[in-house]
């Protein structure tokens, strides 16, 4: 099965919804999604940034990394925007 094609904004909004489900990360904001050449695992995007209190951002990044990897395996970002 192929990957789902989404815009940067759609992926950014999706990641923000993921964070909003965890009260610990309510003050963390997802920055723009970065599109890049495909990595070895086939992903063509990554999180550009997370903004919020430093300690919270670190915990958030550790917590959501598995979710990001899963979404990267399912979604391609349209780089023609």
PDB file of N, CA and C in Angstrom:
ATOM      1  N   UNK A   1       0.844  -1.181   0.000  1.00  0.00           N
ATOM      2  CA  UNK A   1       0.000   0.000   0.000  1.00  0.00           C
ATOM      3  C   UNK A   1       0.888   1.242   0.000  1.00  0.00           C
ATOM      4  N   UNK A   2       0.532   2.237  -0.817  1.00  0.00           N
ATOM      5  CA  UNK A   2       1.296   3.473  -0.907  1.00  0.00           C
ATOM      6  C   UNK A   2       1.006   4.400   0.252  1.00  0.00           C
ATOM      7  N   UNK A   3       1.818   5.406   0.339  1.00  0.00           N
ATOM      8  CA  UNK A   3       1.635   6.403   1.396  1.00  0.00           C
ATOM      9  C   UNK A   3       0.548   7.394   1.006  1.00  0.00           C
ATOM     10  N   UNK A   4      -0.072   7.957   2.008  1.00  0.00           N
ATOM     11  CA  UNK A   4      -1.106   8.977   1.825  1.00  0.00           C
ATOM     12  C   UNK A   4      -0.404  10.308   1.573  1.00  0.00           C
ATOM     13  N   UNK A   5      -0.852  11.045   0.576  1.00  0.00           N
ATOM     14  CA  UNK A   5      -0.267  12.340   0.256  1.00  0.00           C
ATOM     15  C   UNK A   5      -1.029  13.438   0.999  1.00  0.00           C
ATOM     16  N   UNK A   6      -0.299  14.244   1.761  1.00  0.00           N
ATOM     17  CA  UNK A   6      -0.897  15.350   2.513  1.00  0.00           C
ATOM     18  C   UNK A   6      -0.047  16.593   2.320  1.00  0.00           C
ATOM     19  N   UNK A   7      -0.628  17.736   2.626  1.00  0.00           N
ATOM     20  CA  UNK A   7       0.123  18.989   2.580  1.00  0.00           C
ATOM     21  C   UNK A   7       0.898  19.159   3.886  1.00  0.00           C
ATOM     22  N   UNK A   8       1.844  20.065   3.867  1.00  0.00           N
ATOM     23  CA  UNK A   8       2.603  20.385   5.090  1.00  0.00           C
ATOM     24  C   UNK A   8       1.656  20.831   6.203  1.00  0.00           C
ATOM     25  N   UNK A   9       0.692  21.659   5.828  1.00  0.00           N
ATOM     26  CA  UNK A   9      -0.250  22.188   6.813  1.00  0.00           C
ATOM     27  C   UNK A   9      -1.098  21.080   7.418  1.00  0.00           C
ATOM     28  N   UNK A  10      -1.502  20.116   6.602  1.00  0.00           N
ATOM     29  CA  UNK A  10      -2.299  19.000   7.124  1.00  0.00           C
ATOM     30  C   UNK A  10      -1.494  18.165   8.123  1.00  0.00           C
ATOM     31  N   UNK A  11      -0.238  17.911   7.805  1.00  0.00           N
ATOM     32  CA  UNK A  11       0.606  17.128   8.716  1.00  0.00           C
ATOM     33  C   UNK A  11       0.882  17.928   9.985  1.00  0.00           C
ATOM     34  N   UNK A  12       1.125  19.209   9.852  1.00  0.00           N
ATOM     35  CA  UNK A  12       1.351  20.052  11.024  1.00  0.00           C
ATOM     36  C   UNK A  12       0.117  20.030  11.930  1.00  0.00           C
ATOM     37  N   UNK A  13      -1.071  20.167  11.352  1.00  0.00           N
ATOM     38  CA  UNK A  13      -2.311  20.140  12.137  1.00  0.00           C
ATOM     39  C   UNK A  13      -2.515  18.769  12.781  1.00  0.00           C
ATOM     40  N   UNK A  14      -2.197  17.712  12.068  1.00  0.00           N
ATOM     41  CA  UNK A  14      -2.309  16.363  12.607  1.00  0.00           C
ATOM     42  C   UNK A  14      -1.392  16.200  13.816  1.00  0.00           C
ATOM     43  N   UNK A  15      -0.147  16.657  13.697  1.00  0.00           N
ATOM     44  CA  UNK A  15       0.785  16.553  14.813  1.00  0.00           C
ATOM     45  C   UNK A  15       0.310  17.391  15.999  1.00  0.00           C
ATOM     46  N   UNK A  16      -0.272  18.557  15.738  1.00  0.00           N
ATOM     47  CA  UNK A  16      -0.786  19.385  16.836  1.00  0.00           C
ATOM     48  C   UNK A  16      -1.933  18.672  17.539  1.00  0.00           C
ATOM     49  N   UNK A  17      -2.797  17.975  16.779  1.00  0.00           N
ATOM     50  CA  UNK A  17      -3.883  17.206  17.394  1.00  0.00           C
ATOM     51  C   UNK A  17      -3.334  16.080  18.251  1.00  0.00           C
ATOM     52  N   UNK A  18      -2.265  15.430  17.789  1.00  0.00           N
ATOM     53  CA  UNK A  18      -1.627  14.374  18.582  1.00  0.00           C
ATOM     54  C   UNK A  18      -1.173  14.949  19.921  1.00  0.00           C
ATOM     55  N   UNK A  19      -0.530  16.110  19.895  1.00  0.00           N
ATOM     56  CA  UNK A  19      -0.053  16.728  21.134  1.00  0.00           C
ATOM     57  C   UNK A  19      -1.203  17.159  22.040  1.00  0.00           C
ATOM     58  N   UNK A  20      -2.283  17.616  21.443  1.00  0.00           N
ATOM     59  CA  UNK A  20      -3.393  18.126  22.248  1.00  0.00           C
ATOM     60  C   UNK A  20      -4.086  17.019  23.039  1.00  0.00           C
ATOM     61  N   UNK A  21      -3.848  15.785  22.694  1.00  0.00           N
ATOM     62  CA  UNK A  21      -4.457  14.660  23.420  1.00  0.00           C
ATOM     63  C   UNK A  21      -3.755  14.390  24.747  1.00  0.00           C
ATOM     64  N   UNK A  22      -2.613  15.010  24.977  1.00  0.00           N
ATOM     65  CA  UNK A  22      -1.840  14.803  26.197  1.00  0.00           C
ATOM     66  C   UNK A  22      -1.712  16.133  26.936  1.00  0.00           C
ATOM     67  N   UNK A  23      -2.346  16.226  28.085  1.00  0.00           N
ATOM     68  CA  UNK A  23      -2.349  17.490  28.848  1.00  0.00           C
ATOM     69  C   UNK A  23      -0.950  18.000  29.173  1.00  0.00           C
ATOM     70  N   UNK A  24       0.033  17.105  29.294  1.00  0.00           N
ATOM     71  CA  UNK A  24       1.398  17.532  29.609  1.00  0.00           C
ATOM     72  C   UNK A  24       1.975  18.427  28.518  1.00  0.00           C
ATOM     73  N   UNK A  25       1.454  18.296  27.290  1.00  0.00           N
ATOM     74  CA  UNK A  25       2.038  19.004  26.152  1.00  0.00           C
ATOM     75  C   UNK A  25       1.115  20.083  25.586  1.00  0.00           C
ATOM     76  N   UNK A  26       0.171  20.542  26.386  1.00  0.00           N
ATOM     77  CA  UNK A  26      -0.810  21.520  25.903  1.00  0.00           C
ATOM     78  C   UNK A  26      -0.184  22.854  25.506  1.00  0.00           C
ATOM     79  N   UNK A  27       0.994  23.169  26.055  1.00  0.00           N
ATOM     80  CA  UNK A  27       1.651  24.442  25.738  1.00  0.00           C
ATOM     81  C   UNK A  27       2.692  24.308  24.632  1.00  0.00           C
ATOM     82  N   UNK A  28       2.834  23.110  24.077  1.00  0.00           N
ATOM     83  CA  UNK A  28       3.809  22.887  23.006  1.00  0.00           C
ATOM     84  C   UNK A  28       3.124  23.098  21.663  1.00  0.00           C
ATOM     85  N   UNK A  29       3.769  23.858  20.803  1.00  0.00           N
ATOM     86  CA  UNK A  29       3.245  24.140  19.461  1.00  0.00           C
ATOM     87  C   UNK A  29       4.156  23.528  18.409  1.00  0.00           C
ATOM     88  N   UNK A  30       3.542  22.923  17.407  1.00  0.00           N
ATOM     89  CA  UNK A  30       4.280  22.313  16.296  1.00  0.00           C
ATOM     90  C   UNK A  30       4.566  23.383  15.257  1.00  0.00           C
ATOM     91  N   UNK A  31       5.829  23.501  14.875  1.00  0.00           N
ATOM     92  CA  UNK A  31       6.216  24.445  13.836  1.00  0.00           C
ATOM     93  C   UNK A  31       6.016  23.839  12.458  1.00  0.00           C
ATOM     94  N   UNK A  32       6.398  24.573  11.426  1.00  0.00           N
ATOM     95  CA  UNK A  32       6.221  24.089  10.052  1.00  0.00           C
ATOM     96  C   UNK A  32       6.937  22.751   9.807  1.00  0.00           C
ATOM     97  N   UNK A  33       6.319  21.933   8.997  1.00  0.00           N
ATOM     98  CA  UNK A  33       6.886  20.641   8.606  1.00  0.00           C
ATOM     99  C   UNK A  33       7.950  20.889   7.537  1.00  0.00           C
ATOM    100  N   UNK A  34       9.076  20.196   7.663  1.00  0.00           N
ATOM    101  CA  UNK A  34      10.148  20.323   6.678  1.00  0.00           C
ATOM    102  C   UNK A  34      10.081  19.157   5.696  1.00  0.00           C
ATOM    103  N   UNK A  35      10.127  19.484   4.416  1.00  0.00           N
ATOM    104  CA  UNK A  35      10.169  18.469   3.363  1.00  0.00           C
ATOM    105  C   UNK A  35      11.611  18.354   2.899  1.00  0.00           C
ATOM    106  N   UNK A  36      12.066  17.118   2.688  1.00  0.00           N
ATOM    107  CA  UNK A  36      13.463  16.882   2.320  1.00  0.00           C
ATOM    108  C   UNK A  36      13.559  15.653   1.428  1.00  0.00           C
ATOM    109  N   UNK A  37      14.741  15.381   0.934  1.00  0.00           N
ATOM    110  CA  UNK A  37      14.973  14.161   0.149  1.00  0.00           C
ATOM    111  C   UNK A  37      14.620  12.960   1.019  1.00  0.00           C
ATOM    112  N   UNK A  38      14.182  11.919   0.391  1.00  0.00           N
ATOM    113  CA  UNK A  38      13.784  10.718   1.134  1.00  0.00           C
ATOM    114  C   UNK A  38      14.951  10.162   1.949  1.00  0.00           C
ATOM    115  N   UNK A  39      14.619   9.743   3.148  1.00  0.00           N
ATOM    116  CA  UNK A  39      15.599   9.092   4.010  1.00  0.00           C
ATOM    117  C   UNK A  39      15.632   7.607   3.668  1.00  0.00           C
ATOM    118  N   UNK A  40      16.496   6.857   4.348  1.00  0.00           N
ATOM    119  CA  UNK A  40      16.575   5.416   4.088  1.00  0.00           C
ATOM    120  C   UNK A  40      15.252   4.707   4.344  1.00  0.00           C
ATOM    121  N   UNK A  41      14.479   5.197   5.288  1.00  0.00           N
ATOM    122  CA  UNK A  41      13.186   4.557   5.568  1.00  0.00           C
ATOM    123  C   UNK A  41      12.080   5.042   4.628  1.00  0.00           C
ATOM    124  N   UNK A  42      12.405   5.949   3.714  1.00  0.00           N
ATOM    125  CA  UNK A  42      11.450   6.401   2.703  1.00  0.00           C
ATOM    126  C   UNK A  42      10.695   7.671   3.044  1.00  0.00           C
ATOM    127  N   UNK A  43      10.914   8.208   4.216  1.00  0.00           N
ATOM    128  CA  UNK A  43      10.203   9.415   4.622  1.00  0.00           C
ATOM    129  C   UNK A  43      10.741  10.638   3.878  1.00  0.00           C
ATOM    130  N   UNK A  44       9.815  11.562   3.529  1.00  0.00           N
ATOM    131  CA  UNK A  44      10.255  12.800   2.878  1.00  0.00           C
ATOM    132  C   UNK A  44       9.940  14.039   3.707  1.00  0.00           C
ATOM    133  N   UNK A  45       9.660  13.852   4.997  1.00  0.00           N
ATOM    134  CA  UNK A  45       9.360  15.000   5.853  1.00  0.00           C
ATOM    135  C   UNK A  45       9.814  14.741   7.286  1.00  0.00           C
ATOM    136  N   UNK A  46       9.917  15.844   8.040  1.00  0.00           N
ATOM    137  CA  UNK A  46      10.219  15.751   9.462  1.00  0.00           C
ATOM    138  C   UNK A  46       9.630  16.969  10.163  1.00  0.00           C
ATOM    139  N   UNK A  47       9.564  16.884  11.486  1.00  0.00           N
ATOM    140  CA  UNK A  47       9.115  18.038  12.258  1.00  0.00           C
ATOM    141  C   UNK A  47      10.161  19.129  12.131  1.00  0.00           C
ATOM    142  N   UNK A  48       9.730  20.332  11.845  1.00  0.00           N
ATOM    143  CA  UNK A  48      10.668  21.434  11.749  1.00  0.00           C
ATOM    144  C   UNK A  48      11.065  21.941  13.119  1.00  0.00           C
ATOM    145  N   UNK A  49      10.076  22.076  13.989  1.00  0.00           N
ATOM    146  CA  UNK A  49      10.365  22.587  15.331  1.00  0.00           C
ATOM    147  C   UNK A  49       9.175  22.336  16.244  1.00  0.00           C
ATOM    148  N   UNK A  50       9.476  22.363  17.525  1.00  0.00           N
ATOM    149  CA  UNK A  50       8.461  22.379  18.565  1.00  0.00           C
ATOM    150  C   UNK A  50       8.780  23.584  19.431  1.00  0.00           C
ATOM    151  N   UNK A  51       7.763  24.333  19.812  1.00  0.00           N
ATOM    152  CA  UNK A  51       7.972  25.521  20.637  1.00  0.00           C
ATOM    153  C   UNK A  51       7.193  25.387  21.939  1.00  0.00           C
ATOM    154  N   UNK A  52       7.833  25.832  23.007  1.00  0.00           N
ATOM    155  CA  UNK A  52       7.208  25.790  24.323  1.00  0.00           C
ATOM    156  C   UNK A  52       8.289  25.782  25.377  1.00  0.00           C
ATOM    157  N   UNK A  53       7.914  25.560  26.637  1.00  0.00           N
ATOM    158  CA  UNK A  53       8.911  25.489  27.701  1.00  0.00           C
ATOM    159  C   UNK A  53       9.934  24.382  27.401  1.00  0.00           C
ATOM    160  N   UNK A  54      11.219  24.691  27.567  1.00  0.00           N
ATOM    161  CA  UNK A  54      12.295  23.777  27.171  1.00  0.00           C
ATOM    162  C   UNK A  54      12.136  22.356  27.693  1.00  0.00           C
ATOM    163  N   UNK A  55      11.923  22.206  28.985  1.00  0.00           N
ATOM    164  CA  UNK A  55      11.818  20.862  29.568  1.00  0.00           C
ATOM    165  C   UNK A  55      10.611  20.129  29.006  1.00  0.00           C
ATOM    166  N   UNK A  56       9.533  20.840  28.788  1.00  0.00           N
ATOM    167  CA  UNK A  56       8.319  20.235  28.237  1.00  0.00           C
ATOM    168  C   UNK A  56       8.548  19.798  26.793  1.00  0.00           C
ATOM    169  N   UNK A  57       9.233  20.625  26.019  1.00  0.00           N
ATOM    170  CA  UNK A  57       9.520  20.287  24.624  1.00  0.00           C
ATOM    171  C   UNK A  57      10.384  19.029  24.560  1.00  0.00           C
ATOM    172  N   UNK A  58      11.385  18.932  25.429  1.00  0.00           N
ATOM    173  CA  UNK A  58      12.245  17.737  25.444  1.00  0.00           C
ATOM    174  C   UNK A  58      11.434  16.486  25.750  1.00  0.00           C
ATOM    175  N   UNK A  59      10.591  16.551  26.778  1.00  0.00           N
ATOM    176  CA  UNK A  59       9.752  15.392  27.130  1.00  0.00           C
ATOM    177  C   UNK A  59       8.778  15.075  25.998  1.00  0.00           C
ATOM    178  N   UNK A  60       8.237  16.098  25.393  1.00  0.00           N
ATOM    179  CA  UNK A  60       7.296  15.919  24.292  1.00  0.00           C
ATOM    180  C   UNK A  60       7.972  15.218  23.120  1.00  0.00           C
ATOM    181  N   UNK A  61       9.144  15.684  22.756  1.00  0.00           N
ATOM    182  CA  UNK A  61       9.866  15.088  21.628  1.00  0.00           C
ATOM    183  C   UNK A  61      10.155  13.619  21.890  1.00  0.00           C
ATOM    184  N   UNK A  62      10.582  13.304  23.100  1.00  0.00           N
ATOM    185  CA  UNK A  62      10.828  11.904  23.448  1.00  0.00           C
ATOM    186  C   UNK A  62       9.553  11.089  23.353  1.00  0.00           C
ATOM    187  N   UNK A  63       8.459  11.658  23.780  1.00  0.00           N
ATOM    188  CA  UNK A  63       7.184  10.947  23.798  1.00  0.00           C
ATOM    189  C   UNK A  63       6.598  10.735  22.404  1.00  0.00           C
ATOM    190  N   UNK A  64       6.717  11.738  21.534  1.00  0.00           N
ATOM    191  CA  UNK A  64       6.047  11.626  20.232  1.00  0.00           C
ATOM    192  C   UNK A  64       6.917  11.042  19.127  1.00  0.00           C
ATOM    193  N   UNK A  65       8.204  10.820  19.376  1.00  0.00           N
ATOM    194  CA  UNK A  65       9.069  10.281  18.321  1.00  0.00           C
ATOM    195  C   UNK A  65       8.516   8.999  17.703  1.00  0.00           C
ATOM    196  N   UNK A  66       8.025   8.031  18.495  1.00  0.00           N
ATOM    197  CA  UNK A  66       7.450   6.834  17.863  1.00  0.00           C
ATOM    198  C   UNK A  66       6.232   7.146  16.981  1.00  0.00           C
ATOM    199  N   UNK A  67       5.425   8.106  17.404  1.00  0.00           N
ATOM    200  CA  UNK A  67       4.253   8.503  16.617  1.00  0.00           C
ATOM    201  C   UNK A  67       4.699   9.151  15.310  1.00  0.00           C
ATOM    202  N   UNK A  68       5.703  10.018  15.385  1.00  0.00           N
ATOM    203  CA  UNK A  68       6.225  10.673  14.183  1.00  0.00           C
ATOM    204  C   UNK A  68       6.740   9.616  13.212  1.00  0.00           C
ATOM    205  N   UNK A  69       7.505   8.658  13.704  1.00  0.00           N
ATOM    206  CA  UNK A  69       8.038   7.616  12.823  1.00  0.00           C
ATOM    207  C   UNK A  69       6.922   6.822  12.160  1.00  0.00           C
ATOM    208  N   UNK A  70       5.892   6.505  12.928  1.00  0.00           N
ATOM    209  CA  UNK A  70       4.752   5.779  12.360  1.00  0.00           C
ATOM    210  C   UNK A  70       4.085   6.598  11.260  1.00  0.00           C
ATOM    211  N   UNK A  71       3.845   7.884  11.541  1.00  0.00           N
ATOM    212  CA  UNK A  71       3.212   8.740  10.534  1.00  0.00           C
ATOM    213  C   UNK A  71       4.099   8.927   9.311  1.00  0.00           C
ATOM    214  N   UNK A  72       5.417   8.992   9.516  1.00  0.00           N
ATOM    215  CA  UNK A  72       6.330   9.106   8.378  1.00  0.00           C
ATOM    216  C   UNK A  72       6.253   7.870   7.492  1.00  0.00           C
ATOM    217  N   UNK A  73       5.941   6.722   8.062  1.00  0.00           N
ATOM    218  CA  UNK A  73       5.829   5.509   7.254  1.00  0.00           C
ATOM    219  C   UNK A  73       4.509   5.450   6.493  1.00  0.00           C
ATOM    220  N   UNK A  74       3.546   6.282   6.895  1.00  0.00           N
ATOM    221  CA  UNK A  74       2.213   6.261   6.281  1.00  0.00           C
ATOM    222  C   UNK A  74       1.927   7.446   5.367  1.00  0.00           C
ATOM    223  N   UNK A  75       2.629   8.561   5.599  1.00  0.00           N
ATOM    224  CA  UNK A  75       2.291   9.823   4.920  1.00  0.00           C
ATOM    225  C   UNK A  75       3.502  10.380   4.169  1.00  0.00           C
ATOM    226  N   UNK A  76       3.250  10.829   2.943  1.00  0.00           N
ATOM    227  CA  UNK A  76       4.210  11.644   2.195  1.00  0.00           C
ATOM    228  C   UNK A  76       3.669  13.062   2.190  1.00  0.00           C
ATOM    229  N   UNK A  77       4.570  14.021   2.267  1.00  0.00           N
ATOM    230  CA  UNK A  77       4.173  15.428   2.177  1.00  0.00           C
ATOM    231  C   UNK A  77       4.396  15.900   0.749  1.00  0.00           C
ATOM    232  N   UNK A  78       3.370  16.536   0.208  1.00  0.00           N
ATOM    233  CA  UNK A  78       3.441  17.081  -1.149  1.00  0.00           C
ATOM    234  C   UNK A  78       4.454  18.214  -1.157  1.00  0.00           C
ATOM    235  N   UNK A  79       5.561  18.017  -1.868  1.00  0.00           N
ATOM    236  CA  UNK A  79       6.613  19.048  -1.881  1.00  0.00           C
ATOM    237  C   UNK A  79       6.448  20.018  -3.048  1.00  0.00           C
ATOM    238  N   UNK A  80       5.305  19.998  -3.695  1.00  0.00           N
ATOM    239  CA  UNK A  80       5.050  20.884  -4.838  1.00  0.00           C
ATOM    240  C   UNK A  80       4.290  22.128  -4.417  1.00  0.00           C
ATOM    241  N   UNK A  81       4.210  22.383  -3.114  1.00  0.00           N
ATOM    242  CA  UNK A  81       3.441  23.540  -2.627  1.00  0.00           C
ATOM    243  C   UNK A  81       4.225  24.800  -2.799  1.00  0.00           C
TER     244      UNK A  81
END
